[in-house]
Amino acid sequence: MAYRSKIIKESVEVVVSAPDQIFKQSFEVDKHAGKILGISLISDYDELLYYRGSQKIKINEMEVFPEGYESKLLMQGLNVSVNDRIIKLGEDILPGNRKVEIDYKDTTHGSAPFTPYKVKLYVYSEVIDNQS
């Protein structure tokens, strides 16, 4: 019996169109995902994500990052190796109902005046195929 391991990268985009509001998005991970490995968060305006952003992230109804968790703690810079650019969730998280939710909150900050921007949440999951 042979085993083959694969990583699936899926994402959801949050369009932040107005200051000081909460923007919600959700999606379902691939039906072949066996466990969730980690996440990453990026933006088309990194400074806005860094200074203005916070969020709550839930996977399978489990709160992985609580409301108000600062985006700057989930960001990865160019000085980080490509293979290390995900936030590993520690323990294996089963996809369960497969639903991933993000409630992204924009908050005014003097160092980053508002302009519309996009935030993208990536979810990395592992698929193990059992091949004979």
C-alpha atoms as a PDB file:
ATOM      1  CA  MET A   1       0.000   0.000   0.000  1.00  0.00           C
ATOM      2  CA  ALA A   2       1.441   3.410  -0.962  1.00  0.00           C
ATOM      3  CA  TYR A   3       0.562   6.814   0.421  1.00  0.00           C
ATOM      4  CA  ARG A   4       0.843  10.106  -1.355  1.00  0.00           C
ATOM      5  CA  SER A   5       0.590  13.410   0.495  1.00  0.00           C
ATOM      6  CA  LYS A   6      -0.602  16.672  -1.077  1.00  0.00           C
ATOM      7  CA  ILE A   7      -1.051  20.219   0.141  1.00  0.00           C
ATOM      8  CA  ILE A   8      -4.071  22.237  -1.005  1.00  0.00           C
ATOM      9  CA  LYS A   9      -3.959  26.046  -0.845  1.00  0.00           C
ATOM     10  CA  GLU A  10      -7.336  27.803  -0.936  1.00  0.00           C
ATOM     11  CA  SER A  11      -8.256  31.408  -0.293  1.00  0.00           C
ATOM     12  CA  VAL A  12     -10.996  33.901   0.318  1.00  0.00           C
ATOM     13  CA  GLU A  13     -10.739  37.622  -0.422  1.00  0.00           C
ATOM     14  CA  VAL A  14     -12.165  40.337   1.811  1.00  0.00           C
ATOM     15  CA  VAL A  15     -12.727  43.695   0.128  1.00  0.00           C
ATOM     16  CA  VAL A  16     -12.373  46.493   2.682  1.00  0.00           C
ATOM     17  CA  SER A  17     -14.396  49.262   1.078  1.00  0.00           C
ATOM     18  CA  ALA A  18     -15.035  51.607   4.019  1.00  0.00           C
ATOM     19  CA  PRO A  19     -13.144  52.569   7.183  1.00  0.00           C
ATOM     20  CA  ASP A  20     -13.965  51.361  10.702  1.00  0.00           C
ATOM     21  CA  GLN A  21     -16.251  48.490   9.698  1.00  0.00           C
ATOM     22  CA  ILE A  22     -16.321  44.706   9.924  1.00  0.00           C
ATOM     23  CA  PHE A  23     -16.278  42.693   6.709  1.00  0.00           C
ATOM     24  CA  LYS A  24     -17.251  39.020   6.753  1.00  0.00           C
ATOM     25  CA  GLN A  25     -16.418  36.265   4.294  1.00  0.00           C
ATOM     26  CA  SER A  26     -16.542  32.499   4.347  1.00  0.00           C
ATOM     27  CA  PHE A  27     -15.868  29.509   2.128  1.00  0.00           C
ATOM     28  CA  GLU A  28     -15.657  25.731   2.322  1.00  0.00           C
ATOM     29  CA  VAL A  29     -12.352  23.884   2.064  1.00  0.00           C
ATOM     30  CA  ASP A  30     -11.925  21.167  -0.539  1.00  0.00           C
ATOM     31  CA  LYS A  31     -13.903  17.989   0.150  1.00  0.00           C
ATOM     32  CA  HIS A  32     -10.676  15.965  -0.018  1.00  0.00           C
ATOM     33  CA  ALA A  33      -8.955  17.890   2.797  1.00  0.00           C
ATOM     34  CA  GLY A  34      -7.989  15.562   5.618  1.00  0.00           C
ATOM     35  CA  LYS A  35      -6.674  18.168   8.052  1.00  0.00           C
ATOM     36  CA  ILE A  36      -5.999  21.900   8.145  1.00  0.00           C
ATOM     37  CA  LEU A  37      -2.289  22.679   8.489  1.00  0.00           C
ATOM     38  CA  GLY A  38      -2.183  26.456   8.697  1.00  0.00           C
ATOM     39  CA  ILE A  39      -3.104  29.860   7.315  1.00  0.00           C
ATOM     40  CA  SER A  40      -1.539  33.009   5.917  1.00  0.00           C
ATOM     41  CA  LEU A  41      -2.827  36.530   5.521  1.00  0.00           C
ATOM     42  CA  ILE A  42      -1.822  39.027   2.829  1.00  0.00           C
ATOM     43  CA  SER A  43      -3.044  42.343   1.446  1.00  0.00           C
ATOM     44  CA  ASP A  44      -2.551  44.519  -1.582  1.00  0.00           C
ATOM     45  CA  TYR A  45      -1.634  47.285   0.926  1.00  0.00           C
ATOM     46  CA  ASP A  46       0.531  45.677   3.605  1.00  0.00           C
ATOM     47  CA  GLU A  47       0.752  48.849   5.701  1.00  0.00           C
ATOM     48  CA  LEU A  48      -3.048  49.029   6.009  1.00  0.00           C
ATOM     49  CA  LEU A  49      -3.239  45.372   7.020  1.00  0.00           C
ATOM     50  CA  TYR A  50      -0.436  45.914   9.538  1.00  0.00           C
ATOM     51  CA  TYR A  51      -1.721  49.102  11.196  1.00  0.00           C
ATOM     52  CA  ARG A  52      -5.490  48.936  10.710  1.00  0.00           C
ATOM     53  CA  GLY A  53      -6.422  45.256  10.663  1.00  0.00           C
ATOM     54  CA  SER A  54      -7.700  42.731  13.166  1.00  0.00           C
ATOM     55  CA  GLN A  55      -9.880  39.681  12.717  1.00  0.00           C
ATOM     56  CA  LYS A  56     -11.595  36.625  14.051  1.00  0.00           C
ATOM     57  CA  ILE A  57     -11.014  33.375  12.166  1.00  0.00           C
ATOM     58  CA  LYS A  58     -13.106  30.240  12.643  1.00  0.00           C
ATOM     59  CA  ILE A  59     -12.616  26.811  11.109  1.00  0.00           C
ATOM     60  CA  ASN A  60     -15.322  24.183  11.527  1.00  0.00           C
ATOM     61  CA  GLU A  61     -17.079  26.416  14.102  1.00  0.00           C
ATOM     62  CA  MET A  62     -13.857  26.464  16.182  1.00  0.00           C
ATOM     63  CA  GLU A  63     -12.402  29.884  16.912  1.00  0.00           C
ATOM     64  CA  VAL A  64      -8.781  29.612  15.780  1.00  0.00           C
ATOM     65  CA  PHE A  65      -7.977  33.318  16.293  1.00  0.00           C
ATOM     66  CA  PRO A  66     -10.274  35.352  18.566  1.00  0.00           C
ATOM     67  CA  GLU A  67     -12.014  38.611  17.759  1.00  0.00           C
ATOM     68  CA  GLY A  68      -9.547  41.486  17.762  1.00  0.00           C
ATOM     69  CA  TYR A  69      -6.511  39.346  16.909  1.00  0.00           C
ATOM     70  CA  GLU A  70      -4.113  41.791  15.281  1.00  0.00           C
ATOM     71  CA  SER A  71      -3.290  41.161  11.627  1.00  0.00           C
ATOM     72  CA  LYS A  72       0.352  42.150  12.150  1.00  0.00           C
ATOM     73  CA  LEU A  73       0.773  38.918  14.140  1.00  0.00           C
ATOM     74  CA  LEU A  74      -0.264  36.844  11.109  1.00  0.00           C
ATOM     75  CA  MET A  75       1.813  38.608   8.451  1.00  0.00           C
ATOM     76  CA  GLN A  76       4.944  37.150   6.860  1.00  0.00           C
ATOM     77  CA  GLY A  77       7.693  39.308   5.388  1.00  0.00           C
ATOM     78  CA  LEU A  78      10.007  38.732   2.441  1.00  0.00           C
ATOM     79  CA  ASN A  79      12.774  37.807   4.866  1.00  0.00           C
ATOM     80  CA  VAL A  80      10.884  34.606   5.736  1.00  0.00           C
ATOM     81  CA  SER A  81      11.713  31.497   3.715  1.00  0.00           C
ATOM     82  CA  VAL A  82       9.051  30.593   1.148  1.00  0.00           C
ATOM     83  CA  ASN A  83       8.521  27.224   2.851  1.00  0.00           C
ATOM     84  CA  ASP A  84       7.913  28.901   6.231  1.00  0.00           C
ATOM     85  CA  ARG A  85       5.331  31.498   5.206  1.00  0.00           C
ATOM     86  CA  ILE A  86       2.326  29.910   6.862  1.00  0.00           C
ATOM     87  CA  ILE A  87       1.113  30.193  10.430  1.00  0.00           C
ATOM     88  CA  LYS A  88       0.974  26.593  11.581  1.00  0.00           C
ATOM     89  CA  LEU A  89      -2.028  25.959  13.771  1.00  0.00           C
ATOM     90  CA  GLY A  90      -0.155  23.587  16.042  1.00  0.00           C
ATOM     91  CA  GLU A  91      -2.509  20.703  16.481  1.00  0.00           C
ATOM     92  CA  ASP A  92      -4.234  19.118  13.539  1.00  0.00           C
ATOM     93  CA  ILE A  93      -7.573  20.752  12.876  1.00  0.00           C
ATOM     94  CA  LEU A  94     -10.097  18.548  11.168  1.00  0.00           C
ATOM     95  CA  PRO A  95     -12.161  20.287   8.511  1.00  0.00           C
ATOM     96  CA  GLY A  96     -15.469  18.964   9.907  1.00  0.00           C
ATOM     97  CA  ASN A  97     -18.193  20.995   8.206  1.00  0.00           C
ATOM     98  CA  ARG A  98     -15.414  22.474   5.993  1.00  0.00           C
ATOM     99  CA  LYS A  99     -16.486  26.065   6.689  1.00  0.00           C
ATOM    100  CA  VAL A 100     -13.832  28.755   7.148  1.00  0.00           C
ATOM    101  CA  GLU A 101     -14.998  32.171   8.323  1.00  0.00           C
ATOM    102  CA  ILE A 102     -13.177  35.479   8.692  1.00  0.00           C
ATOM    103  CA  ASP A 103     -14.572  38.614  10.320  1.00  0.00           C
ATOM    104  CA  TYR A 104     -12.061  41.298   9.351  1.00  0.00           C
ATOM    105  CA  LYS A 105     -12.200  44.638  11.175  1.00  0.00           C
ATOM    106  CA  ASP A 106     -10.676  47.868   9.890  1.00  0.00           C
ATOM    107  CA  THR A 107      -9.797  50.415  12.600  1.00  0.00           C
ATOM    108  CA  THR A 108      -8.535  53.967  12.077  1.00  0.00           C
ATOM    109  CA  HIS A 109      -4.817  54.425  12.712  1.00  0.00           C
ATOM    110  CA  GLY A 110      -2.835  57.667  12.320  1.00  0.00           C
ATOM    111  CA  SER A 111       0.071  55.966  10.532  1.00  0.00           C
ATOM    112  CA  ALA A 112      -2.114  54.558   7.755  1.00  0.00           C
ATOM    113  CA  PRO A 113      -4.854  56.733   6.235  1.00  0.00           C
ATOM    114  CA  PHE A 114      -7.720  54.736   4.780  1.00  0.00           C
ATOM    115  CA  THR A 115      -7.924  53.782   1.145  1.00  0.00           C
ATOM    116  CA  PRO A 116      -9.930  50.773  -0.100  1.00  0.00           C
ATOM    117  CA  TYR A 117      -7.883  47.571   0.062  1.00  0.00           C
ATOM    118  CA  LYS A 118      -8.142  43.808  -0.145  1.00  0.00           C
ATOM    119  CA  VAL A 119      -7.178  41.166   2.386  1.00  0.00           C
ATOM    120  CA  LYS A 120      -6.730  37.543   1.383  1.00  0.00           C
ATOM    121  CA  LEU A 121      -6.852  34.632   3.820  1.00  0.00           C
ATOM    122  CA  TYR A 122      -5.136  31.460   2.616  1.00  0.00           C
ATOM    123  CA  VAL A 123      -5.902  28.101   4.200  1.00  0.00           C
ATOM    124  CA  TYR A 124      -3.514  25.192   3.722  1.00  0.00           C
ATOM    125  CA  SER A 125      -4.820  21.672   4.109  1.00  0.00           C
ATOM    126  CA  GLU A 126      -3.393  18.230   3.597  1.00  0.00           C
ATOM    127  CA  VAL A 127      -4.893  15.446   1.559  1.00  0.00           C
ATOM    128  CA  ILE A 128      -3.713  11.886   1.977  1.00  0.00           C
ATOM    129  CA  ASP A 129      -4.663   9.592  -0.856  1.00  0.00           C
ATOM    130  CA  ASN A 130      -4.471   5.880  -0.222  1.00  0.00           C
ATOM    131  CA  GLN A 131      -3.163   4.284  -3.413  1.00  0.00           C
ATOM    132  CA  SER A 132      -2.787   0.555  -3.962  1.00  0.00           C
END
